[in-house]
N, C-alpha and C. Protein backbone atom coordinates (compact mmCIF):
# COMPACT_ATOMS: atom_id res chain seq x y z
N UNK A 1 82.87 115.52 97.67
CA UNK A 1 82.76 115.24 98.93
C UNK A 1 83.48 114.90 99.63
N UNK A 2 83.91 114.25 99.53
CA UNK A 2 85.55 113.85 100.33
C UNK A 2 86.63 113.95 100.11
N UNK A 3 87.12 115.01 99.05
CA UNK A 3 87.64 115.98 99.37
C UNK A 3 87.77 116.98 100.45
N UNK A 4 86.84 118.01 100.16
CA UNK A 4 86.41 118.39 100.90
C UNK A 4 86.04 117.93 102.51
N UNK A 5 85.89 117.64 102.97
CA UNK A 5 85.83 117.03 104.10
C UNK A 5 87.88 116.55 104.34
N UNK A 6 88.43 116.95 103.82
CA UNK A 6 89.82 116.45 103.41
C UNK A 6 90.67 117.59 104.01
N UNK A 7 89.57 118.63 103.59
CA UNK A 7 90.67 119.87 103.20
C UNK A 7 89.39 120.24 104.04
N UNK A 8 89.29 120.26 105.17
CA UNK A 8 88.52 120.70 106.57
C UNK A 8 89.06 120.01 107.96
N UNK A 9 89.57 119.05 107.72
CA UNK A 9 90.55 118.29 108.87
C UNK A 9 91.90 118.53 108.79
N UNK A 10 92.75 118.71 107.24
CA UNK A 10 93.91 118.54 107.49
C UNK A 10 94.50 119.80 107.85
N UNK A 11 95.58 119.67 108.82
CA UNK A 11 96.26 121.06 109.07
C UNK A 11 95.47 122.26 110.35
N UNK A 12 94.25 121.37 110.62
CA UNK A 12 93.46 121.85 111.98
C UNK A 12 94.36 121.50 113.23
N UNK A 13 94.31 122.27 114.24
CA UNK A 13 94.93 121.82 115.60
C UNK A 13 93.76 120.86 116.45
N UNK A 14 92.31 121.00 116.38
CA UNK A 14 91.20 119.77 116.51
C UNK A 14 91.48 118.81 115.66
N UNK A 15 92.19 118.65 114.53
CA UNK A 15 91.82 117.04 114.73
C UNK A 15 92.40 115.73 115.07
N UNK A 16 93.16 115.53 116.17
CA UNK A 16 94.03 115.20 116.46
C UNK A 16 92.96 114.70 117.91
N UNK A 17 92.37 116.08 118.89
CA UNK A 17 91.30 115.49 119.46
C UNK A 17 90.09 114.82 119.30
N UNK A 18 89.73 115.12 117.58
CA UNK A 18 88.85 115.18 116.89
C UNK A 18 89.13 113.30 117.12
N UNK A 19 89.66 113.05 116.60
CA UNK A 19 90.70 111.41 117.09
C UNK A 19 90.61 110.41 117.55
N UNK A 20 91.31 111.25 118.88
CA UNK A 20 91.01 111.42 120.35
C UNK A 20 89.93 110.61 120.88
N UNK A 21 89.02 111.73 120.69
CA UNK A 21 87.17 111.44 120.69
C UNK A 21 86.45 110.79 120.79
N UNK A 22 87.00 110.01 118.53
CA UNK A 22 86.20 109.56 118.37
C UNK A 22 86.20 108.16 118.86
N UNK A 23 87.60 107.67 119.05
CA UNK A 23 88.16 106.36 119.23
C UNK A 23 87.81 106.18 121.07
N UNK A 24 87.75 107.02 121.87
CA UNK A 24 87.63 107.17 123.52
C UNK A 24 86.23 106.77 123.32
N UNK A 25 85.35 107.53 122.60
CA UNK A 25 83.86 106.76 122.12
C UNK A 25 83.43 105.66 122.24
N UNK A 26 84.48 105.36 120.99
CA UNK A 26 83.48 104.22 120.59
C UNK A 26 84.26 103.08 121.09
N UNK A 27 84.71 102.93 121.85
CA UNK A 27 85.57 102.04 123.13
C UNK A 27 84.53 101.50 123.67
N UNK A 28 83.55 102.16 124.06
CA UNK A 28 81.91 102.22 125.32
C UNK A 28 80.21 102.02 124.67
N UNK A 29 80.83 102.28 123.37
CA UNK A 29 80.01 103.03 122.61
C UNK A 29 79.57 102.65 120.75
N UNK A 30 79.24 101.00 120.49
CA UNK A 30 80.14 100.52 119.46
C UNK A 30 79.57 101.42 118.06
N UNK A 31 79.00 101.85 118.28
CA UNK A 31 78.23 102.00 117.13
C UNK A 31 79.30 103.53 116.39
N UNK A 32 80.04 104.57 117.16
CA UNK A 32 80.60 105.46 116.39
C UNK A 32 82.28 104.25 115.94
N UNK A 33 82.04 104.75 114.47
CA UNK A 33 83.47 104.01 113.36
C UNK A 33 84.66 104.50 114.18
N UNK A 34 84.60 104.55 114.90
CA UNK A 34 86.38 104.75 115.41
C UNK A 34 87.53 104.10 114.49
N UNK A 35 87.18 102.75 114.35
CA UNK A 35 88.64 102.41 113.23
C UNK A 35 88.80 102.47 111.76
N UNK A 36 87.45 103.65 111.55
CA UNK A 36 87.80 104.20 110.11
C UNK A 36 88.26 105.12 109.95
N UNK A 37 87.78 106.51 111.17
CA UNK A 37 88.74 107.85 111.77
C UNK A 37 89.87 106.78 112.14
N UNK A 38 90.73 106.15 112.80
CA UNK A 38 91.64 105.62 112.43
C UNK A 38 92.51 105.03 111.00
N UNK A 39 92.16 104.65 110.57
CA UNK A 39 92.17 104.54 108.98
C UNK A 39 92.38 105.44 108.04
N UNK A 40 91.64 106.62 108.68
CA UNK A 40 91.70 107.46 107.74
C UNK A 40 92.88 108.95 107.68
N UNK A 41 92.62 108.50 109.03
CA UNK A 41 93.85 109.27 109.29
C UNK A 41 95.07 108.65 109.46
N UNK A 42 95.60 107.66 109.36
CA UNK A 42 96.77 106.66 108.41
C UNK A 42 97.06 106.91 107.27
N UNK A 43 95.70 107.35 105.97
CA UNK A 43 96.02 106.70 104.89
C UNK A 43 96.11 108.92 104.80
N UNK A 44 95.43 109.86 105.68
CA UNK A 44 96.11 111.36 105.33
C UNK A 44 97.62 111.60 106.33
N UNK A 45 97.86 110.56 107.15
CA UNK A 45 99.47 110.71 107.48
C UNK A 45 100.43 110.18 106.48
N UNK A 46 99.76 109.41 105.75
CA UNK A 46 100.74 108.37 104.58
C UNK A 46 100.67 109.71 103.59
N UNK A 47 99.27 110.54 103.70
CA UNK A 47 99.69 111.54 102.02
C UNK A 47 100.76 112.69 102.90
N UNK A 48 100.99 112.82 103.91
CA UNK A 48 101.36 114.06 104.14
C UNK A 48 100.88 115.10 105.33
N UNK A 49 99.74 114.95 105.28
CA UNK A 49 98.62 115.76 105.32
C UNK A 49 98.59 116.27 107.43
N UNK A 50 98.56 115.04 107.51
CA UNK A 50 98.48 115.06 108.99
C UNK A 50 100.22 114.11 109.34
N UNK A 51 100.21 114.60 110.31
CA UNK A 51 101.06 113.99 111.33
C UNK A 51 100.88 112.15 112.25
N UNK A 52 101.41 111.61 111.23
CA UNK A 52 101.48 109.92 111.83
C UNK A 52 101.49 109.81 113.42
N UNK A 53 102.94 109.83 113.89
CA UNK A 53 103.40 109.50 115.68
C UNK A 53 101.81 110.54 115.61
N UNK A 54 101.49 111.43 115.43
CA UNK A 54 99.80 112.05 116.28
C UNK A 54 99.09 111.65 116.50
N UNK A 55 97.98 111.02 115.16
CA UNK A 55 97.37 110.35 114.74
C UNK A 55 97.46 108.69 115.28
N UNK A 56 98.69 108.08 115.87
CA UNK A 56 98.88 107.40 116.68
C UNK A 56 98.88 107.18 117.61
N UNK A 57 99.39 108.11 118.60
CA UNK A 57 98.66 108.58 120.01
C UNK A 57 97.98 108.93 120.46
N UNK A 58 97.07 109.75 118.68
CA UNK A 58 95.85 110.29 119.49
C UNK A 58 94.44 108.65 119.66
N UNK A 59 94.39 107.83 118.35
CA UNK A 59 93.73 106.71 118.42
C UNK A 59 94.30 105.74 119.46
N UNK A 60 95.29 105.80 120.18
CA UNK A 60 96.49 104.71 121.09
C UNK A 60 95.34 105.11 122.45
N UNK A 61 95.68 106.44 122.59
CA UNK A 61 95.38 107.74 123.87
C UNK A 61 93.48 107.07 124.41
N UNK A 62 92.73 107.76 122.81
CA UNK A 62 92.20 107.57 123.23
C UNK A 62 90.68 105.82 123.29
N UNK A 63 91.52 105.17 122.40
CA UNK A 63 90.76 103.89 122.98
C UNK A 63 91.44 103.76 124.39
N UNK A 64 92.50 104.02 124.65
CA UNK A 64 92.74 103.52 126.85
C UNK A 64 92.25 103.94 127.54
N UNK A 65 91.68 105.45 126.75
CA UNK A 65 90.52 105.90 127.70
C UNK A 65 88.84 105.33 127.79
N UNK A 66 88.53 105.24 126.52
CA UNK A 66 87.28 104.73 126.38
C UNK A 66 87.37 103.52 127.34
N UNK A 67 88.65 102.65 127.33
CA UNK A 67 88.95 101.37 127.98
C UNK A 67 88.26 101.20 129.60
N UNK A 68 88.89 102.62 129.68
CA UNK A 68 89.32 102.36 131.41
C UNK A 68 87.91 103.37 131.65
N UNK A 69 86.93 103.78 130.42
CA UNK A 69 85.89 104.78 131.41
C UNK A 69 84.75 102.90 130.78
N UNK A 70 85.02 102.14 130.11
CA UNK A 70 83.67 100.54 130.11
C UNK A 70 84.37 100.00 131.67
N UNK A 71 85.27 99.81 131.64
CA UNK A 71 85.86 98.96 132.99
C UNK A 71 85.39 100.25 133.98
N UNK A 72 85.31 100.87 134.79
CA UNK A 72 84.66 102.23 135.69
C UNK A 72 83.53 102.15 135.58
N UNK A 73 82.24 102.06 134.37
CA UNK A 73 80.58 101.98 134.22
C UNK A 73 80.25 100.26 134.77
N UNK A 74 81.63 99.52 134.27
CA UNK A 74 80.86 97.65 134.88
C UNK A 74 81.40 97.98 135.78
N UNK A 75 82.37 97.67 136.43
CA UNK A 75 82.97 98.39 137.73
C UNK A 75 81.56 98.77 138.48
N UNK A 76 81.10 100.60 138.47
CA UNK A 76 79.77 101.34 139.54
C UNK A 76 78.65 100.04 139.21
N UNK A 77 78.86 100.08 137.56
CA UNK A 77 77.07 99.59 137.66
C UNK A 77 76.54 98.29 137.57
N UNK A 78 77.92 96.86 137.51
CA UNK A 78 77.41 95.65 137.30
C UNK A 78 77.33 95.68 138.70
N UNK A 79 78.04 95.33 139.56
CA UNK A 79 77.43 94.86 141.13
C UNK A 79 75.38 95.15 141.26
N UNK A 80 75.43 96.61 141.05
CA UNK A 80 74.16 96.65 141.34
C UNK A 80 73.52 96.44 140.67
N UNK A 81 73.55 95.56 139.24
CA UNK A 81 72.37 95.15 138.10
C UNK A 81 72.17 93.85 137.95
N UNK A 82 73.49 93.04 138.26
CA UNK A 82 74.14 91.84 139.24
C UNK A 82 73.51 91.44 140.22
N UNK A 83 73.10 91.99 141.28
CA UNK A 83 72.59 92.37 142.80
C UNK A 83 71.00 92.22 142.85
N UNK A 84 70.37 93.27 141.22
CA UNK A 84 68.83 93.41 141.25
C UNK A 84 68.93 91.83 140.52
């Protein structure tokens, strides 16, 4: 099962946007396994199947974008909720 999943994601162009997206969603929806995806990508990069700099960049930028989404939602919805 794991090997078929590894074969599905390695060498594909959409792997890095997937890492970015999961890391971004994990920042404001904590049930998404962002850390697991980042660690798995790092392991695959260590074995030479993915690019380590691209994995680091995708996970970092995804987390940064997700944090900004969380901040924006808190700023936009926070005051309305507290005033209510």
